[in-house]
Amino acid sequence: MADVVLPIKISFDDWFSQIRQDLPNLEFPNPDGVKNWRETVTQLINMNSLDNIPIPTKSTYPKDEDWRKWGAYFVDIMLDSV
């Protein structure tokens, strides 16, 4: 597997577009901005039946910038699953 970009010093939309290229075996929805990141990644999880990836909720990831925490976890899990 190619290197997957980490969610560091990058916007959510740019990161999401990059992981779309890094993980071509997955289906991706169109990102709808950082304010809607939870909905976007929930679609990603559901579209690909990624049962081992947690669905982010407002209670577990209350801040908009928490997408970075979720994204780092996502990358780690995706790399481990190869």
PDB file of N, CA and C in Angstrom:
ATOM      1  N   MET A   1       0.847  -1.186   0.000  1.00  0.00           N
ATOM      2  CA  MET A   1       0.000   0.000   0.000  1.00  0.00           C
ATOM      3  C   MET A   1       0.881   1.233   0.000  1.00  0.00           C
ATOM      4  N   ALA A   2       0.448   2.222  -0.694  1.00  0.00           N
ATOM      5  CA  ALA A   2       1.144   3.504  -0.731  1.00  0.00           C
ATOM      6  C   ALA A   2       1.067   4.176   0.630  1.00  0.00           C
ATOM      7  N   ASP A   3       1.935   5.135   0.835  1.00  0.00           N
ATOM      8  CA  ASP A   3       1.863   5.923   2.056  1.00  0.00           C
ATOM      9  C   ASP A   3       0.546   6.684   2.049  1.00  0.00           C
ATOM     10  N   VAL A   4      -0.053   6.784   3.212  1.00  0.00           N
ATOM     11  CA  VAL A   4      -1.314   7.507   3.359  1.00  0.00           C
ATOM     12  C   VAL A   4      -1.020   8.796   4.115  1.00  0.00           C
ATOM     13  N   VAL A   5      -1.489   9.899   3.576  1.00  0.00           N
ATOM     14  CA  VAL A   5      -1.223  11.198   4.183  1.00  0.00           C
ATOM     15  C   VAL A   5      -1.889  11.276   5.560  1.00  0.00           C
ATOM     16  N   LEU A   6      -1.132  11.774   6.524  1.00  0.00           N
ATOM     17  CA  LEU A   6      -1.656  11.975   7.869  1.00  0.00           C
ATOM     18  C   LEU A   6      -2.363  13.329   7.946  1.00  0.00           C
ATOM     19  N   PRO A   7      -3.311  13.459   8.856  1.00  0.00           N
ATOM     20  CA  PRO A   7      -4.056  14.718   8.981  1.00  0.00           C
ATOM     21  C   PRO A   7      -3.298  15.780   9.775  1.00  0.00           C
ATOM     22  N   ILE A   8      -2.125  16.144   9.271  1.00  0.00           N
ATOM     23  CA  ILE A   8      -1.269  17.122   9.951  1.00  0.00           C
ATOM     24  C   ILE A   8      -0.990  18.273   8.986  1.00  0.00           C
ATOM     25  N   LYS A   9      -1.244  19.487   9.438  1.00  0.00           N
ATOM     26  CA  LYS A   9      -0.984  20.695   8.637  1.00  0.00           C
ATOM     27  C   LYS A   9      -1.645  20.615   7.269  1.00  0.00           C
ATOM     28  N   ILE A  10      -2.914  20.226   7.263  1.00  0.00           N
ATOM     29  CA  ILE A  10      -3.685  20.103   6.033  1.00  0.00           C
ATOM     30  C   ILE A  10      -5.147  20.334   6.400  1.00  0.00           C
ATOM     31  N   SER A  11      -5.907  20.883   5.491  1.00  0.00           N
ATOM     32  CA  SER A  11      -7.336  21.095   5.759  1.00  0.00           C
ATOM     33  C   SER A  11      -8.077  19.761   5.624  1.00  0.00           C
ATOM     34  N   PHE A  12      -9.258  19.681   6.184  1.00  0.00           N
ATOM     35  CA  PHE A  12     -10.043  18.456   6.086  1.00  0.00           C
ATOM     36  C   PHE A  12     -10.328  18.097   4.632  1.00  0.00           C
ATOM     37  N   ASP A  13     -10.804  19.062   3.851  1.00  0.00           N
ATOM     38  CA  ASP A  13     -11.131  18.777   2.454  1.00  0.00           C
ATOM     39  C   ASP A  13      -9.911  18.311   1.662  1.00  0.00           C
ATOM     40  N   ASP A  14      -8.760  18.940   1.896  1.00  0.00           N
ATOM     41  CA  ASP A  14      -7.540  18.526   1.195  1.00  0.00           C
ATOM     42  C   ASP A  14      -7.100  17.134   1.635  1.00  0.00           C
ATOM     43  N   TRP A  15      -7.161  16.866   2.940  1.00  0.00           N
ATOM     44  CA  TRP A  15      -6.799  15.542   3.447  1.00  0.00           C
ATOM     45  C   TRP A  15      -7.720  14.482   2.863  1.00  0.00           C
ATOM     46  N   PHE A  16      -9.016  14.759   2.882  1.00  0.00           N
ATOM     47  CA  PHE A  16      -9.987  13.782   2.390  1.00  0.00           C
ATOM     48  C   PHE A  16      -9.770  13.509   0.905  1.00  0.00           C
ATOM     49  N   SER A  17      -9.487  14.529   0.149  1.00  0.00           N
ATOM     50  CA  SER A  17      -9.194  14.345  -1.279  1.00  0.00           C
ATOM     51  C   SER A  17      -7.918  13.532  -1.475  1.00  0.00           C
ATOM     52  N   GLN A  18      -6.933  13.756  -0.623  1.00  0.00           N
ATOM     53  CA  GLN A  18      -5.676  13.015  -0.737  1.00  0.00           C
ATOM     54  C   GLN A  18      -5.847  11.545  -0.364  1.00  0.00           C
ATOM     55  N   ILE A  19      -6.597  11.261   0.702  1.00  0.00           N
ATOM     56  CA  ILE A  19      -6.761   9.843   1.061  1.00  0.00           C
ATOM     57  C   ILE A  19      -7.593   9.114   0.016  1.00  0.00           C
ATOM     58  N   ARG A  20      -8.427   9.841  -0.687  1.00  0.00           N
ATOM     59  CA  ARG A  20      -9.167   9.234  -1.805  1.00  0.00           C
ATOM     60  C   ARG A  20      -8.170   8.693  -2.833  1.00  0.00           C
ATOM     61  N   GLN A  21      -7.119   9.439  -3.078  1.00  0.00           N
ATOM     62  CA  GLN A  21      -6.082   8.993  -4.015  1.00  0.00           C
ATOM     63  C   GLN A  21      -5.199   7.906  -3.402  1.00  0.00           C
ATOM     64  N   ASP A  22      -4.920   8.032  -2.103  1.00  0.00           N
ATOM     65  CA  ASP A  22      -4.050   7.079  -1.415  1.00  0.00           C
ATOM     66  C   ASP A  22      -4.704   5.712  -1.225  1.00  0.00           C
ATOM     67  N   LEU A  23      -6.029   5.689  -1.135  1.00  0.00           N
ATOM     68  CA  LEU A  23      -6.773   4.446  -0.877  1.00  0.00           C
ATOM     69  C   LEU A  23      -7.785   4.203  -1.996  1.00  0.00           C
ATOM     70  N   PRO A  24      -7.310   3.906  -3.205  1.00  0.00           N
ATOM     71  CA  PRO A  24      -8.210   3.790  -4.355  1.00  0.00           C
ATOM     72  C   PRO A  24      -9.168   2.602  -4.289  1.00  0.00           C
ATOM     73  N   ASN A  25      -8.934   1.682  -3.374  1.00  0.00           N
ATOM     74  CA  ASN A  25      -9.826   0.531  -3.240  1.00  0.00           C
ATOM     75  C   ASN A  25     -11.104   0.853  -2.466  1.00  0.00           C
ATOM     76  N   LEU A  26     -11.192   2.065  -1.901  1.00  0.00           N
ATOM     77  CA  LEU A  26     -12.375   2.475  -1.147  1.00  0.00           C
ATOM     78  C   LEU A  26     -13.235   3.434  -1.962  1.00  0.00           C
ATOM     79  N   GLU A  27     -14.528   3.424  -1.659  1.00  0.00           N
ATOM     80  CA  GLU A  27     -15.440   4.424  -2.226  1.00  0.00           C
ATOM     81  C   GLU A  27     -15.474   5.618  -1.272  1.00  0.00           C
ATOM     82  N   PHE A  28     -15.501   6.825  -1.843  1.00  0.00           N
ATOM     83  CA  PHE A  28     -15.499   8.034  -1.035  1.00  0.00           C
ATOM     84  C   PHE A  28     -16.643   8.958  -1.433  1.00  0.00           C
ATOM     85  N   PRO A  29     -17.340   9.520  -0.433  1.00  0.00           N
ATOM     86  CA  PRO A  29     -18.310  10.574  -0.753  1.00  0.00           C
ATOM     87  C   PRO A  29     -17.545  11.870  -1.007  1.00  0.00           C
ATOM     88  N   ASN A  30     -18.232  12.867  -1.499  1.00  0.00           N
ATOM     89  CA  ASN A  30     -17.607  14.183  -1.657  1.00  0.00           C
ATOM     90  C   ASN A  30     -17.578  14.861  -0.292  1.00  0.00           C
ATOM     91  N   PRO A  31     -16.432  15.419   0.098  1.00  0.00           N
ATOM     92  CA  PRO A  31     -16.370  16.107   1.382  1.00  0.00           C
ATOM     93  C   PRO A  31     -17.236  17.360   1.369  1.00  0.00           C
ATOM     94  N   ASP A  32     -17.804  17.654   2.523  1.00  0.00           N
ATOM     95  CA  ASP A  32     -18.699  18.802   2.638  1.00  0.00           C
ATOM     96  C   ASP A  32     -18.189  19.779   3.696  1.00  0.00           C
ATOM     97  N   GLY A  33     -16.885  19.956   3.747  1.00  0.00           N
ATOM     98  CA  GLY A  33     -16.303  20.928   4.676  1.00  0.00           C
ATOM     99  C   GLY A  33     -16.113  20.375   6.070  1.00  0.00           C
ATOM    100  N   VAL A  34     -15.270  21.051   6.808  1.00  0.00           N
ATOM    101  CA  VAL A  34     -14.910  20.595   8.151  1.00  0.00           C
ATOM    102  C   VAL A  34     -16.109  20.615   9.098  1.00  0.00           C
ATOM    103  N   LYS A  35     -17.045  21.517   8.911  1.00  0.00           N
ATOM    104  CA  LYS A  35     -18.223  21.575   9.788  1.00  0.00           C
ATOM    105  C   LYS A  35     -19.064  20.301   9.688  1.00  0.00           C
ATOM    106  N   ASN A  36     -18.981  19.613   8.551  1.00  0.00           N
ATOM    107  CA  ASN A  36     -19.760  18.387   8.337  1.00  0.00           C
ATOM    108  C   ASN A  36     -18.878  17.156   8.244  1.00  0.00           C
ATOM    109  N   TRP A  37     -17.695  17.195   8.832  1.00  0.00           N
ATOM    110  CA  TRP A  37     -16.769  16.081   8.699  1.00  0.00           C
ATOM    111  C   TRP A  37     -17.330  14.784   9.272  1.00  0.00           C
ATOM    112  N   ARG A  38     -18.083  14.864  10.356  1.00  0.00           N
ATOM    113  CA  ARG A  38     -18.642  13.640  10.963  1.00  0.00           C
ATOM    114  C   ARG A  38     -19.574  12.920   9.990  1.00  0.00           C
ATOM    115  N   GLU A  39     -20.417  13.691   9.301  1.00  0.00           N
ATOM    116  CA  GLU A  39     -21.341  13.102   8.330  1.00  0.00           C
ATOM    117  C   GLU A  39     -20.583  12.517   7.139  1.00  0.00           C
ATOM    118  N   THR A  40     -19.555  13.233   6.687  1.00  0.00           N
ATOM    119  CA  THR A  40     -18.771  12.765   5.540  1.00  0.00           C
ATOM    120  C   THR A  40     -18.077  11.449   5.851  1.00  0.00           C
ATOM    121  N   VAL A  41     -17.414  11.363   7.004  1.00  0.00           N
ATOM    122  CA  VAL A  41     -16.688  10.124   7.301  1.00  0.00           C
ATOM    123  C   VAL A  41     -17.647   9.001   7.695  1.00  0.00           C
ATOM    124  N   THR A  42     -18.813   9.337   8.227  1.00  0.00           N
ATOM    125  CA  THR A  42     -19.824   8.304   8.476  1.00  0.00           C
ATOM    126  C   THR A  42     -20.274   7.684   7.158  1.00  0.00           C
ATOM    127  N   GLN A  43     -20.441   8.519   6.133  1.00  0.00           N
ATOM    128  CA  GLN A  43     -20.769   7.996   4.801  1.00  0.00           C
ATOM    129  C   GLN A  43     -19.652   7.090   4.294  1.00  0.00           C
ATOM    130  N   LEU A  44     -18.412   7.511   4.474  1.00  0.00           N
ATOM    131  CA  LEU A  44     -17.261   6.707   4.064  1.00  0.00           C
ATOM    132  C   LEU A  44     -17.303   5.334   4.741  1.00  0.00           C
ATOM    133  N   ILE A  45     -17.538   5.324   6.038  1.00  0.00           N
ATOM    134  CA  ILE A  45     -17.598   4.075   6.801  1.00  0.00           C
ATOM    135  C   ILE A  45     -18.719   3.192   6.271  1.00  0.00           C
ATOM    136  N   ASN A  46     -19.904   3.769   6.100  1.00  0.00           N
ATOM    137  CA  ASN A  46     -21.061   2.992   5.654  1.00  0.00           C
ATOM    138  C   ASN A  46     -20.927   2.509   4.211  1.00  0.00           C
ATOM    139  N   MET A  47     -20.388   3.334   3.334  1.00  0.00           N
ATOM    140  CA  MET A  47     -20.243   2.965   1.927  1.00  0.00           C
ATOM    141  C   MET A  47     -19.308   1.772   1.742  1.00  0.00           C
ATOM    142  N   ASN A  48     -18.371   1.613   2.673  1.00  0.00           N
ATOM    143  CA  ASN A  48     -17.354   0.576   2.546  1.00  0.00           C
ATOM    144  C   ASN A  48     -17.477  -0.523   3.603  1.00  0.00           C
ATOM    145  N   SER A  49     -18.548  -0.483   4.387  1.00  0.00           N
ATOM    146  CA  SER A  49     -18.763  -1.482   5.453  1.00  0.00           C
ATOM    147  C   SER A  49     -17.519  -1.638   6.321  1.00  0.00           C
ATOM    148  N   LEU A  50     -16.989  -0.526   6.773  1.00  0.00           N
ATOM    149  CA  LEU A  50     -15.791  -0.531   7.622  1.00  0.00           C
ATOM    150  C   LEU A  50     -16.202  -0.680   9.086  1.00  0.00           C
ATOM    151  N   ASP A  51     -16.560  -1.877   9.456  1.00  0.00           N
ATOM    152  CA  ASP A  51     -17.080  -2.138  10.800  1.00  0.00           C
ATOM    153  C   ASP A  51     -16.051  -1.919  11.902  1.00  0.00           C
ATOM    154  N   ASN A  52     -14.766  -1.932  11.561  1.00  0.00           N
ATOM    155  CA  ASN A  52     -13.721  -1.755  12.563  1.00  0.00           C
ATOM    156  C   ASN A  52     -13.352  -0.280  12.788  1.00  0.00           C
ATOM    157  N   ILE A  53     -14.017   0.622  12.083  1.00  0.00           N
ATOM    158  CA  ILE A  53     -13.759   2.060  12.214  1.00  0.00           C
ATOM    159  C   ILE A  53     -14.915   2.695  12.989  1.00  0.00           C
ATOM    160  N   PRO A  54     -14.619   3.446  14.047  1.00  0.00           N
ATOM    161  CA  PRO A  54     -15.703   4.060  14.824  1.00  0.00           C
ATOM    162  C   PRO A  54     -16.399   5.192  14.063  1.00  0.00           C
ATOM    163  N   ILE A  55     -17.700   5.236  14.185  1.00  0.00           N
ATOM    164  CA  ILE A  55     -18.469   6.354  13.626  1.00  0.00           C
ATOM    165  C   ILE A  55     -18.325   7.522  14.593  1.00  0.00           C
ATOM    166  N   PRO A  56     -17.851   8.656  14.103  1.00  0.00           N
ATOM    167  CA  PRO A  56     -17.644   9.790  15.001  1.00  0.00           C
ATOM    168  C   PRO A  56     -18.972  10.457  15.373  1.00  0.00           C
ATOM    169  N   THR A  57     -19.115  10.719  16.635  1.00  0.00           N
ATOM    170  CA  THR A  57     -20.288  11.432  17.115  1.00  0.00           C
ATOM    171  C   THR A  57     -19.834  12.745  17.751  1.00  0.00           C
ATOM    172  N   LYS A  58     -20.775  13.624  17.943  1.00  0.00           N
ATOM    173  CA  LYS A  58     -20.475  14.921  18.563  1.00  0.00           C
ATOM    174  C   LYS A  58     -19.993  14.725  20.005  1.00  0.00           C
ATOM    175  N   SER A  59     -20.453  13.658  20.672  1.00  0.00           N
ATOM    176  CA  SER A  59     -20.026  13.437  22.057  1.00  0.00           C
ATOM    177  C   SER A  59     -18.609  12.863  22.129  1.00  0.00           C
ATOM    178  N   THR A  60     -18.207  12.046  21.151  1.00  0.00           N
ATOM    179  CA  THR A  60     -16.854  11.487  21.187  1.00  0.00           C
ATOM    180  C   THR A  60     -15.822  12.423  20.542  1.00  0.00           C
ATOM    181  N   TYR A  61     -16.265  13.219  19.585  1.00  0.00           N
ATOM    182  CA  TYR A  61     -15.401  14.189  18.898  1.00  0.00           C
ATOM    183  C   TYR A  61     -16.132  15.526  18.854  1.00  0.00           C
ATOM    184  N   PRO A  62     -16.152  16.259  19.982  1.00  0.00           N
ATOM    185  CA  PRO A  62     -16.995  17.464  20.074  1.00  0.00           C
ATOM    186  C   PRO A  62     -16.523  18.674  19.262  1.00  0.00           C
ATOM    187  N   LYS A  63     -15.234  18.756  18.944  1.00  0.00           N
ATOM    188  CA  LYS A  63     -14.716  19.935  18.245  1.00  0.00           C
ATOM    189  C   LYS A  63     -14.529  19.639  16.757  1.00  0.00           C
ATOM    190  N   ASP A  64     -14.673  20.665  15.935  1.00  0.00           N
ATOM    191  CA  ASP A  64     -14.457  20.487  14.500  1.00  0.00           C
ATOM    192  C   ASP A  64     -13.046  19.991  14.199  1.00  0.00           C
ATOM    193  N   GLU A  65     -12.058  20.479  14.962  1.00  0.00           N
ATOM    194  CA  GLU A  65     -10.679  20.054  14.703  1.00  0.00           C
ATOM    195  C   GLU A  65     -10.399  18.621  15.164  1.00  0.00           C
ATOM    196  N   ASP A  66     -11.366  17.994  15.825  1.00  0.00           N
ATOM    197  CA  ASP A  66     -11.204  16.597  16.241  1.00  0.00           C
ATOM    198  C   ASP A  66     -11.183  15.635  15.056  1.00  0.00           C
ATOM    199  N   TRP A  67     -11.502  16.145  13.855  1.00  0.00           N
ATOM    200  CA  TRP A  67     -11.394  15.277  12.685  1.00  0.00           C
ATOM    201  C   TRP A  67      -9.973  14.759  12.547  1.00  0.00           C
ATOM    202  N   ARG A  68      -9.001  15.518  13.029  1.00  0.00           N
ATOM    203  CA  ARG A  68      -7.603  15.088  12.944  1.00  0.00           C
ATOM    204  C   ARG A  68      -7.353  13.845  13.803  1.00  0.00           C
ATOM    205  N   LYS A  69      -7.947  13.797  14.987  1.00  0.00           N
ATOM    206  CA  LYS A  69      -7.808  12.613  15.858  1.00  0.00           C
ATOM    207  C   LYS A  69      -8.439  11.402  15.185  1.00  0.00           C
ATOM    208  N   TRP A  70      -9.646  11.598  14.684  1.00  0.00           N
ATOM    209  CA  TRP A  70     -10.327  10.497  14.003  1.00  0.00           C
ATOM    210  C   TRP A  70      -9.529  10.084  12.773  1.00  0.00           C
ATOM    211  N   GLY A  71      -9.035  11.043  12.008  1.00  0.00           N
ATOM    212  CA  GLY A  71      -8.280  10.757  10.795  1.00  0.00           C
ATOM    213  C   GLY A  71      -7.007   9.979  11.070  1.00  0.00           C
ATOM    214  N   ALA A  72      -6.303  10.325  12.142  1.00  0.00           N
ATOM    215  CA  ALA A  72      -5.087   9.589  12.505  1.00  0.00           C
ATOM    216  C   ALA A  72      -5.430   8.148  12.859  1.00  0.00           C
ATOM    217  N   TYR A  73      -6.518   7.957  13.582  1.00  0.00           N
ATOM    218  CA  TYR A  73      -6.966   6.608  13.921  1.00  0.00           C
ATOM    219  C   TYR A  73      -7.343   5.848  12.652  1.00  0.00           C
ATOM    220  N   PHE A  74      -8.064   6.495  11.753  1.00  0.00           N
ATOM    221  CA  PHE A  74      -8.469   5.877  10.491  1.00  0.00           C
ATOM    222  C   PHE A  74      -7.252   5.412   9.693  1.00  0.00           C
ATOM    223  N   VAL A  75      -6.262   6.276   9.547  1.00  0.00           N
ATOM    224  CA  VAL A  75      -5.057   5.914   8.801  1.00  0.00           C
ATOM    225  C   VAL A  75      -4.362   4.730   9.466  1.00  0.00           C
ATOM    226  N   ASP A  76      -4.249   4.753  10.787  1.00  0.00           N
ATOM    227  CA  ASP A  76      -3.594   3.666  11.510  1.00  0.00           C
ATOM    228  C   ASP A  76      -4.309   2.336  11.273  1.00  0.00           C
ATOM    229  N   ILE A  77      -5.629   2.339  11.367  1.00  0.00           N
ATOM    230  CA  ILE A  77      -6.406   1.119  11.168  1.00  0.00           C
ATOM    231  C   ILE A  77      -6.280   0.644   9.714  1.00  0.00           C
ATOM    232  N   MET A  78      -6.347   1.574   8.766  1.00  0.00           N
ATOM    233  CA  MET A  78      -6.257   1.182   7.367  1.00  0.00           C
ATOM    234  C   MET A  78      -4.884   0.589   7.041  1.00  0.00           C
ATOM    235  N   LEU A  79      -3.839   1.123   7.619  1.00  0.00           N
ATOM    236  CA  LEU A  79      -2.507   0.578   7.371  1.00  0.00           C
ATOM    237  C   LEU A  79      -2.326  -0.783   8.033  1.00  0.00           C
ATOM    238  N   ASP A  80      -2.944  -0.958   9.198  1.00  0.00           N
ATOM    239  CA  ASP A  80      -2.856  -2.243   9.897  1.00  0.00           C
ATOM    240  C   ASP A  80      -3.644  -3.339   9.195  1.00  0.00           C
ATOM    241  N   SER A  81      -4.651  -2.949   8.416  1.00  0.00           N
ATOM    242  CA  SER A  81      -5.518  -3.949   7.785  1.00  0.00           C
ATOM    243  C   SER A  81      -4.953  -4.507   6.487  1.00  0.00           C
ATOM    244  N   VAL A  82      -3.798  -3.995   6.089  1.00  0.00           N
ATOM    245  CA  VAL A  82      -3.188  -4.459   4.836  1.00  0.00           C
ATOM    246  C   VAL A  82      -2.417  -5.735   5.060  1.00  0.00           C
TER     247      VAL A  82
END
